[in-house]
Amino acid sequence: MARMFGAAAVGLLAVAVAQAHFAYLVPADDGSAVKLVFSDTLDPDTKVNIEKVGGTKLTARDAAGKETALTMKKGEGFYEVAVPGTGPRVVYGVTDYGVLQKGDAKPFRLAYYPKAVVGGPADKPVGGPLRAEILADGGAGKVRFRVLHEGKPVSGAEVSVLVPGSEKATRKAVKTDAGGYTEAFAASGRYGVNARVTEAQAGELAGKKYEEVRHYATLVVDVK
């Protein structure tokens, strides 16, 4: 099956990645819960119908590998879920957004794969249902982000990084190298990262035909 990675694989979108909305999982400061937002930042966008991502299936995985299915509670511009356990955990989800078409462009199937690291670092991929995934590698001063598709590194993927700052985060667009890694970032704090992987795969969903599949992976992680 032919695969094409990054926005250049199928032509640029009319709306730049930096201006788009993505499904992010944002942890509470004490690690007891996460919020699922659909936004261009890590803050809830109350102007967007959060029910667009209401079908997201969320799972928590603890340091021992035990997984727990999570139940979402709707709030104002977000869904909130309690995260069981303590210590390092990963919360991840899959949002099957359906089939879309922009103007006369080819129809595509859209999926989001939000992930958050809670309570500590995590250096192992989730795999399984996360067909596209972002990993954080390293600490403050040398943190890089790695994009995987079906467990394999993606070269040349377009990645958008919300870099923490003293007053507010700034967004930087980068590309991955041959090993799937971005450049290193020096700042400490909370990062929000998104990346797109596109497959030239035709199919049909709920009676709607599509010609490609667009996978959007996101990661929220606190770097110390």
C-alpha atoms as a PDB file:
ATOM      1  CA  MET A   1       0.000   0.000   0.000  1.00  0.00           C
ATOM      2  CA  ALA A   2       1.426   3.327  -1.046  1.00  0.00           C
ATOM      3  CA  ARG A   3       1.981   5.784   1.784  1.00  0.00           C
ATOM      4  CA  MET A   4       2.614   9.503   1.674  1.00  0.00           C
ATOM      5  CA  PHE A   5       3.601  11.546   4.688  1.00  0.00           C
ATOM      6  CA  GLY A   6       3.071  15.201   5.617  1.00  0.00           C
ATOM      7  CA  ALA A   7       0.889  17.903   4.112  1.00  0.00           C
ATOM      8  CA  ALA A   8       2.962  17.936   0.913  1.00  0.00           C
ATOM      9  CA  ALA A   9       1.916  14.349   0.221  1.00  0.00           C
ATOM     10  CA  VAL A  10      -1.468  15.403  -1.133  1.00  0.00           C
ATOM     11  CA  GLY A  11      -1.010  19.135  -1.670  1.00  0.00           C
ATOM     12  CA  LEU A  12      -1.257  21.890   0.897  1.00  0.00           C
ATOM     13  CA  LEU A  13      -4.501  22.430   2.764  1.00  0.00           C
ATOM     14  CA  ALA A  14      -6.267  25.733   2.241  1.00  0.00           C
ATOM     15  CA  VAL A  15      -5.902  26.378   5.966  1.00  0.00           C
ATOM     16  CA  ALA A  16      -2.431  26.179   7.469  1.00  0.00           C
ATOM     17  CA  VAL A  17      -1.762  23.617  10.183  1.00  0.00           C
ATOM     18  CA  ALA A  18      -1.060  26.367  12.702  1.00  0.00           C
ATOM     19  CA  GLN A  19      -4.591  27.754  12.253  1.00  0.00           C
ATOM     20  CA  ALA A  20      -6.432  24.455  12.459  1.00  0.00           C
ATOM     21  CA  HIS A  21      -8.208  22.839  15.392  1.00  0.00           C
ATOM     22  CA  PHE A  22      -6.931  19.612  16.905  1.00  0.00           C
ATOM     23  CA  ALA A  23      -8.008  17.223  19.625  1.00  0.00           C
ATOM     24  CA  TYR A  24      -5.677  17.724  22.608  1.00  0.00           C
ATOM     25  CA  LEU A  25      -5.685  15.997  25.997  1.00  0.00           C
ATOM     26  CA  VAL A  26      -4.663  18.531  28.644  1.00  0.00           C
ATOM     27  CA  PRO A  27      -3.759  17.188  32.121  1.00  0.00           C
ATOM     28  CA  ALA A  28      -4.794  18.847  35.371  1.00  0.00           C
ATOM     29  CA  ASP A  29      -1.855  20.123  37.424  1.00  0.00           C
ATOM     30  CA  ASP A  30      -2.284  17.364  40.017  1.00  0.00           C
ATOM     31  CA  GLY A  31      -2.589  14.595  37.416  1.00  0.00           C
ATOM     32  CA  SER A  32      -6.028  13.521  38.608  1.00  0.00           C
ATOM     33  CA  ALA A  33      -7.841  14.335  35.377  1.00  0.00           C
ATOM     34  CA  VAL A  34      -7.444  15.446  31.776  1.00  0.00           C
ATOM     35  CA  LYS A  35      -9.560  17.662  29.548  1.00  0.00           C
ATOM     36  CA  LEU A  36     -10.219  16.835  25.929  1.00  0.00           C
ATOM     37  CA  VAL A  37     -10.331  20.092  23.957  1.00  0.00           C
ATOM     38  CA  PHE A  38     -10.821  20.773  20.253  1.00  0.00           C
ATOM     39  CA  SER A  39      -8.807  23.904  19.718  1.00  0.00           C
ATOM     40  CA  ASP A  40      -5.811  25.541  18.056  1.00  0.00           C
ATOM     41  CA  THR A  41      -4.219  25.938  21.511  1.00  0.00           C
ATOM     42  CA  LEU A  42      -4.354  23.929  24.729  1.00  0.00           C
ATOM     43  CA  ASP A  43      -7.243  26.048  26.004  1.00  0.00           C
ATOM     44  CA  PRO A  44     -10.889  25.127  25.353  1.00  0.00           C
ATOM     45  CA  ASP A  45     -12.450  26.918  22.390  1.00  0.00           C
ATOM     46  CA  THR A  46     -16.025  27.574  23.497  1.00  0.00           C
ATOM     47  CA  LYS A  47     -16.957  28.738  19.984  1.00  0.00           C
ATOM     48  CA  VAL A  48     -16.477  25.223  18.634  1.00  0.00           C
ATOM     49  CA  ASN A  49     -19.043  22.464  19.114  1.00  0.00           C
ATOM     50  CA  ILE A  50     -17.147  20.079  21.397  1.00  0.00           C
ATOM     51  CA  GLU A  51     -19.553  17.296  20.442  1.00  0.00           C
ATOM     52  CA  LYS A  52     -17.586  16.996  17.203  1.00  0.00           C
ATOM     53  CA  VAL A  53     -15.113  14.920  19.221  1.00  0.00           C
ATOM     54  CA  GLY A  54     -17.706  13.415  21.551  1.00  0.00           C
ATOM     55  CA  GLY A  55     -17.168   9.955  20.087  1.00  0.00           C
ATOM     56  CA  THR A  56     -13.537   9.820  21.207  1.00  0.00           C
ATOM     57  CA  LYS A  57     -12.593   6.601  23.014  1.00  0.00           C
ATOM     58  CA  LEU A  58     -10.119   7.333  25.821  1.00  0.00           C
ATOM     59  CA  THR A  59      -7.854   4.939  27.697  1.00  0.00           C
ATOM     60  CA  ALA A  60      -5.393   5.374  30.576  1.00  0.00           C
ATOM     61  CA  ARG A  61      -2.264   3.221  30.769  1.00  0.00           C
ATOM     62  CA  ASP A  62      -0.209   3.098  33.982  1.00  0.00           C
ATOM     63  CA  ALA A  63       3.514   2.439  34.373  1.00  0.00           C
ATOM     64  CA  ALA A  64       2.894  -1.310  34.690  1.00  0.00           C
ATOM     65  CA  GLY A  65       0.976  -1.377  31.404  1.00  0.00           C
ATOM     66  CA  LYS A  66      -2.486  -1.792  32.942  1.00  0.00           C
ATOM     67  CA  GLU A  67      -5.163  -0.097  30.862  1.00  0.00           C
ATOM     68  CA  THR A  68      -8.450   1.435  31.991  1.00  0.00           C
ATOM     69  CA  ALA A  69     -11.243   2.684  29.731  1.00  0.00           C
ATOM     70  CA  LEU A  70     -12.276   6.218  30.670  1.00  0.00           C
ATOM     71  CA  THR A  71     -15.657   7.940  30.696  1.00  0.00           C
ATOM     72  CA  MET A  72     -15.947  11.535  29.533  1.00  0.00           C
ATOM     73  CA  LYS A  73     -18.057  14.238  31.197  1.00  0.00           C
ATOM     74  CA  LYS A  74     -19.049  17.209  29.074  1.00  0.00           C
ATOM     75  CA  GLY A  75     -18.097  20.704  30.203  1.00  0.00           C
ATOM     76  CA  GLU A  76     -18.084  24.171  28.615  1.00  0.00           C
ATOM     77  CA  GLY A  77     -15.962  23.656  25.509  1.00  0.00           C
ATOM     78  CA  PHE A  78     -14.300  20.455  26.729  1.00  0.00           C
ATOM     79  CA  TYR A  79     -14.795  16.923  27.988  1.00  0.00           C
ATOM     80  CA  GLU A  80     -13.227  16.007  31.327  1.00  0.00           C
ATOM     81  CA  VAL A  81     -12.188  12.555  32.491  1.00  0.00           C
ATOM     82  CA  ALA A  82     -10.804  11.359  35.807  1.00  0.00           C
ATOM     83  CA  VAL A  83      -7.487   9.526  35.497  1.00  0.00           C
ATOM     84  CA  PRO A  84      -7.014   6.631  37.949  1.00  0.00           C
ATOM     85  CA  GLY A  85      -3.766   5.892  39.747  1.00  0.00           C
ATOM     86  CA  THR A  86      -0.673   7.899  40.563  1.00  0.00           C
ATOM     87  CA  GLY A  87       2.767   8.305  39.101  1.00  0.00           C
ATOM     88  CA  PRO A  88       3.589   8.227  35.383  1.00  0.00           C
ATOM     89  CA  ARG A  89       0.584   7.445  33.193  1.00  0.00           C
ATOM     90  CA  VAL A  90      -0.384   7.940  29.590  1.00  0.00           C
ATOM     91  CA  VAL A  91      -3.884   8.882  28.471  1.00  0.00           C
ATOM     92  CA  TYR A  92      -4.661   8.372  24.814  1.00  0.00           C
ATOM     93  CA  GLY A  93      -7.627   8.270  22.499  1.00  0.00           C
ATOM     94  CA  VAL A  94      -8.958   7.732  19.015  1.00  0.00           C
ATOM     95  CA  THR A  95     -11.413  10.069  17.320  1.00  0.00           C
ATOM     96  CA  ASP A  96     -12.885   8.786  14.062  1.00  0.00           C
ATOM     97  CA  TYR A  97     -14.102  12.081  12.615  1.00  0.00           C
ATOM     98  CA  GLY A  98     -15.670  10.590   9.502  1.00  0.00           C
ATOM     99  CA  VAL A  99     -15.402  11.464   5.806  1.00  0.00           C
ATOM    100  CA  LEU A 100     -14.917  15.088   4.749  1.00  0.00           C
ATOM    101  CA  GLN A 101     -14.468  16.969   1.501  1.00  0.00           C
ATOM    102  CA  LYS A 102     -13.238  20.534   0.968  1.00  0.00           C
ATOM    103  CA  GLY A 103     -14.713  22.023  -2.192  1.00  0.00           C
ATOM    104  CA  ASP A 104     -13.719  20.026  -5.260  1.00  0.00           C
ATOM    105  CA  ALA A 105     -10.780  18.359  -3.493  1.00  0.00           C
ATOM    106  CA  LYS A 106     -10.719  14.606  -3.039  1.00  0.00           C
ATOM    107  CA  PRO A 107     -12.774  13.274  -0.110  1.00  0.00           C
ATOM    108  CA  PHE A 108     -10.776  12.005   2.857  1.00  0.00           C
ATOM    109  CA  ARG A 109     -11.287  10.103   6.073  1.00  0.00           C
ATOM    110  CA  LEU A 110     -10.120  11.997   9.149  1.00  0.00           C
ATOM    111  CA  ALA A 111      -8.900  10.578  12.458  1.00  0.00           C
ATOM    112  CA  TYR A 112      -7.357  12.214  15.527  1.00  0.00           C
ATOM    113  CA  TYR A 113      -5.075  10.462  18.002  1.00  0.00           C
ATOM    114  CA  PRO A 114      -4.714  12.654  21.115  1.00  0.00           C
ATOM    115  CA  LYS A 115      -2.244  11.637  23.816  1.00  0.00           C
ATOM    116  CA  ALA A 116      -1.039  13.143  27.096  1.00  0.00           C
ATOM    117  CA  VAL A 117       1.704  12.184  29.504  1.00  0.00           C
ATOM    118  CA  VAL A 118       0.534  12.503  33.123  1.00  0.00           C
ATOM    119  CA  GLY A 119       2.675  12.492  36.252  1.00  0.00           C
ATOM    120  CA  GLY A 120       6.068  11.890  34.702  1.00  0.00           C
ATOM    121  CA  PRO A 121       8.008  11.088  31.531  1.00  0.00           C
ATOM    122  CA  ALA A 122       7.036   8.338  29.110  1.00  0.00           C
ATOM    123  CA  ASP A 123       9.432   7.046  26.463  1.00  0.00           C
ATOM    124  CA  LYS A 124       7.544   4.040  25.108  1.00  0.00           C
ATOM    125  CA  PRO A 125       5.031   4.183  22.264  1.00  0.00           C
ATOM    126  CA  VAL A 126       1.422   3.225  22.924  1.00  0.00           C
ATOM    127  CA  GLY A 127       1.019   1.536  19.550  1.00  0.00           C
ATOM    128  CA  GLY A 128      -2.131  -0.511  18.973  1.00  0.00           C
ATOM    129  CA  PRO A 129      -5.011   1.792  18.111  1.00  0.00           C
ATOM    130  CA  LEU A 130      -2.733   4.833  17.718  1.00  0.00           C
ATOM    131  CA  ARG A 131      -1.912   4.505  14.043  1.00  0.00           C
ATOM    132  CA  ALA A 132      -0.074   7.832  14.284  1.00  0.00           C
ATOM    133  CA  GLU A 133       1.715   8.880  17.470  1.00  0.00           C
ATOM    134  CA  ILE A 134       4.121  11.469  18.860  1.00  0.00           C
ATOM    135  CA  LEU A 135       6.767  10.683  21.475  1.00  0.00           C
ATOM    136  CA  ALA A 136       8.808  13.082  23.628  1.00  0.00           C
ATOM    137  CA  ASP A 137      12.508  12.271  23.878  1.00  0.00           C
ATOM    138  CA  GLY A 138      14.737  14.040  26.427  1.00  0.00           C
ATOM    139  CA  GLY A 139      14.290  16.757  29.028  1.00  0.00           C
ATOM    140  CA  ALA A 140      14.514  20.537  29.097  1.00  0.00           C
ATOM    141  CA  GLY A 141      17.227  21.868  26.838  1.00  0.00           C
ATOM    142  CA  LYS A 142      17.242  18.839  24.586  1.00  0.00           C
ATOM    143  CA  VAL A 143      13.686  17.579  24.175  1.00  0.00           C
ATOM    144  CA  ARG A 144      12.834  16.299  20.697  1.00  0.00           C
ATOM    145  CA  PHE A 145       9.575  14.940  19.362  1.00  0.00           C
ATOM    146  CA  ARG A 146       9.328  11.811  17.268  1.00  0.00           C
ATOM    147  CA  VAL A 147       6.512  11.011  14.856  1.00  0.00           C
ATOM    148  CA  LEU A 148       5.549   7.376  14.286  1.00  0.00           C
ATOM    149  CA  HIS A 149       3.113   5.778  11.879  1.00  0.00           C
ATOM    150  CA  GLU A 150       2.197   2.156  12.519  1.00  0.00           C
ATOM    151  CA  GLY A 151       5.170   2.109  14.907  1.00  0.00           C
ATOM    152  CA  LYS A 152       7.677   3.286  12.300  1.00  0.00           C
ATOM    153  CA  PRO A 153       9.394   6.694  12.173  1.00  0.00           C
ATOM    154  CA  VAL A 154       8.040   9.233   9.703  1.00  0.00           C
ATOM    155  CA  SER A 155      10.624  11.233   7.780  1.00  0.00           C
ATOM    156  CA  GLY A 156       9.709  14.725   6.594  1.00  0.00           C
ATOM    157  CA  ALA A 157       6.513  14.971   8.653  1.00  0.00           C
ATOM    158  CA  GLU A 158       5.253  18.497   9.219  1.00  0.00           C
ATOM    159  CA  VAL A 159       5.022  19.116  12.958  1.00  0.00           C
ATOM    160  CA  SER A 160       3.576  22.104  14.796  1.00  0.00           C
ATOM    161  CA  VAL A 161       4.946  22.705  18.302  1.00  0.00           C
ATOM    162  CA  LEU A 162       3.473  24.981  20.959  1.00  0.00           C
ATOM    163  CA  VAL A 163       6.642  25.977  22.821  1.00  0.00           C
ATOM    164  CA  PRO A 164       6.143  27.139  26.429  1.00  0.00           C
ATOM    165  CA  GLY A 165       7.237  30.679  27.272  1.00  0.00           C
ATOM    166  CA  SER A 166       7.332  32.944  30.310  1.00  0.00           C
ATOM    167  CA  GLU A 167       4.052  34.624  29.361  1.00  0.00           C
ATOM    168  CA  LYS A 168       2.477  32.494  26.634  1.00  0.00           C
ATOM    169  CA  ALA A 169       3.332  29.660  24.299  1.00  0.00           C
ATOM    170  CA  THR A 170       4.599  30.349  20.800  1.00  0.00           C
ATOM    171  CA  ARG A 171       4.049  28.060  17.828  1.00  0.00           C
ATOM    172  CA  LYS A 172       6.871  26.749  15.693  1.00  0.00           C
ATOM    173  CA  ALA A 173       6.599  24.656  12.524  1.00  0.00           C
ATOM    174  CA  VAL A 174       9.333  22.050  12.008  1.00  0.00           C
ATOM    175  CA  LYS A 175       9.937  18.869  10.016  1.00  0.00           C
ATOM    176  CA  THR A 176      11.192  15.488  11.141  1.00  0.00           C
ATOM    177  CA  ASP A 177      14.513  14.014  10.068  1.00  0.00           C
ATOM    178  CA  ALA A 178      15.205  10.536   8.701  1.00  0.00           C
ATOM    179  CA  GLY A 179      14.653   9.051  12.164  1.00  0.00           C
ATOM    180  CA  GLY A 180      11.316  10.785  12.630  1.00  0.00           C
ATOM    181  CA  TYR A 181      12.742  13.364  15.093  1.00  0.00           C
ATOM    182  CA  THR A 182      12.226  17.103  15.226  1.00  0.00           C
ATOM    183  CA  GLU A 183      14.945  19.510  16.218  1.00  0.00           C
ATOM    184  CA  ALA A 184      15.605  19.911  19.947  1.00  0.00           C
ATOM    185  CA  PHE A 185      13.803  22.498  22.091  1.00  0.00           C
ATOM    186  CA  ALA A 186      15.317  24.255  25.093  1.00  0.00           C
ATOM    187  CA  ALA A 187      12.310  25.506  27.048  1.00  0.00           C
ATOM    188  CA  SER A 188      10.860  23.785  30.089  1.00  0.00           C
ATOM    189  CA  GLY A 189       7.131  23.680  30.659  1.00  0.00           C
ATOM    190  CA  ARG A 190       4.059  22.322  28.902  1.00  0.00           C
ATOM    191  CA  TYR A 191       4.331  21.483  25.208  1.00  0.00           C
ATOM    192  CA  GLY A 192       1.513  20.861  22.771  1.00  0.00           C
ATOM    193  CA  VAL A 193       2.520  19.082  19.583  1.00  0.00           C
ATOM    194  CA  ASN A 194       0.600  17.971  16.509  1.00  0.00           C
ATOM    195  CA  ALA A 195       1.623  16.144  13.339  1.00  0.00           C
ATOM    196  CA  ARG A 196      -0.142  14.889  10.238  1.00  0.00           C
ATOM    197  CA  VAL A 197       0.372  11.604   8.408  1.00  0.00           C
ATOM    198  CA  THR A 198      -1.529  10.930   5.179  1.00  0.00           C
ATOM    199  CA  GLU A 199      -2.193   7.571   3.559  1.00  0.00           C
ATOM    200  CA  ALA A 200      -3.214   7.158  -0.066  1.00  0.00           C
ATOM    201  CA  GLN A 201      -5.869   4.644   0.895  1.00  0.00           C
ATOM    202  CA  ALA A 202      -9.344   4.561  -0.655  1.00  0.00           C
ATOM    203  CA  GLY A 203     -12.391   3.127   1.058  1.00  0.00           C
ATOM    204  CA  GLU A 204     -15.943   3.746   2.181  1.00  0.00           C
ATOM    205  CA  LEU A 205     -17.388   4.664   5.580  1.00  0.00           C
ATOM    206  CA  ALA A 206     -21.086   4.987   6.395  1.00  0.00           C
ATOM    207  CA  GLY A 207     -21.929   5.114   2.718  1.00  0.00           C
ATOM    208  CA  LYS A 208     -19.362   7.826   1.931  1.00  0.00           C
ATOM    209  CA  LYS A 209     -16.375   7.079  -0.261  1.00  0.00           C
ATOM    210  CA  TYR A 210     -12.923   8.520   0.424  1.00  0.00           C
ATOM    211  CA  GLU A 211      -9.620   8.512  -1.446  1.00  0.00           C
ATOM    212  CA  GLU A 212      -7.153   9.022   1.392  1.00  0.00           C
ATOM    213  CA  VAL A 213      -6.871   8.856   5.163  1.00  0.00           C
ATOM    214  CA  ARG A 214      -5.498  11.739   7.209  1.00  0.00           C
ATOM    215  CA  HIS A 215      -4.147  10.879  10.657  1.00  0.00           C
ATOM    216  CA  TYR A 216      -3.533  13.735  13.112  1.00  0.00           C
ATOM    217  CA  ALA A 217      -1.523  12.832  16.205  1.00  0.00           C
ATOM    218  CA  THR A 218      -1.246  15.213  19.158  1.00  0.00           C
ATOM    219  CA  LEU A 219       0.816  15.144  22.345  1.00  0.00           C
ATOM    220  CA  VAL A 220       0.698  17.228  25.519  1.00  0.00           C
ATOM    221  CA  VAL A 221       3.642  16.758  27.865  1.00  0.00           C
ATOM    222  CA  ASP A 222       5.313  18.668  30.699  1.00  0.00           C
ATOM    223  CA  VAL A 223       9.074  18.931  30.232  1.00  0.00           C
ATOM    224  CA  LYS A 224      11.288  19.618  33.234  1.00  0.00           C
END
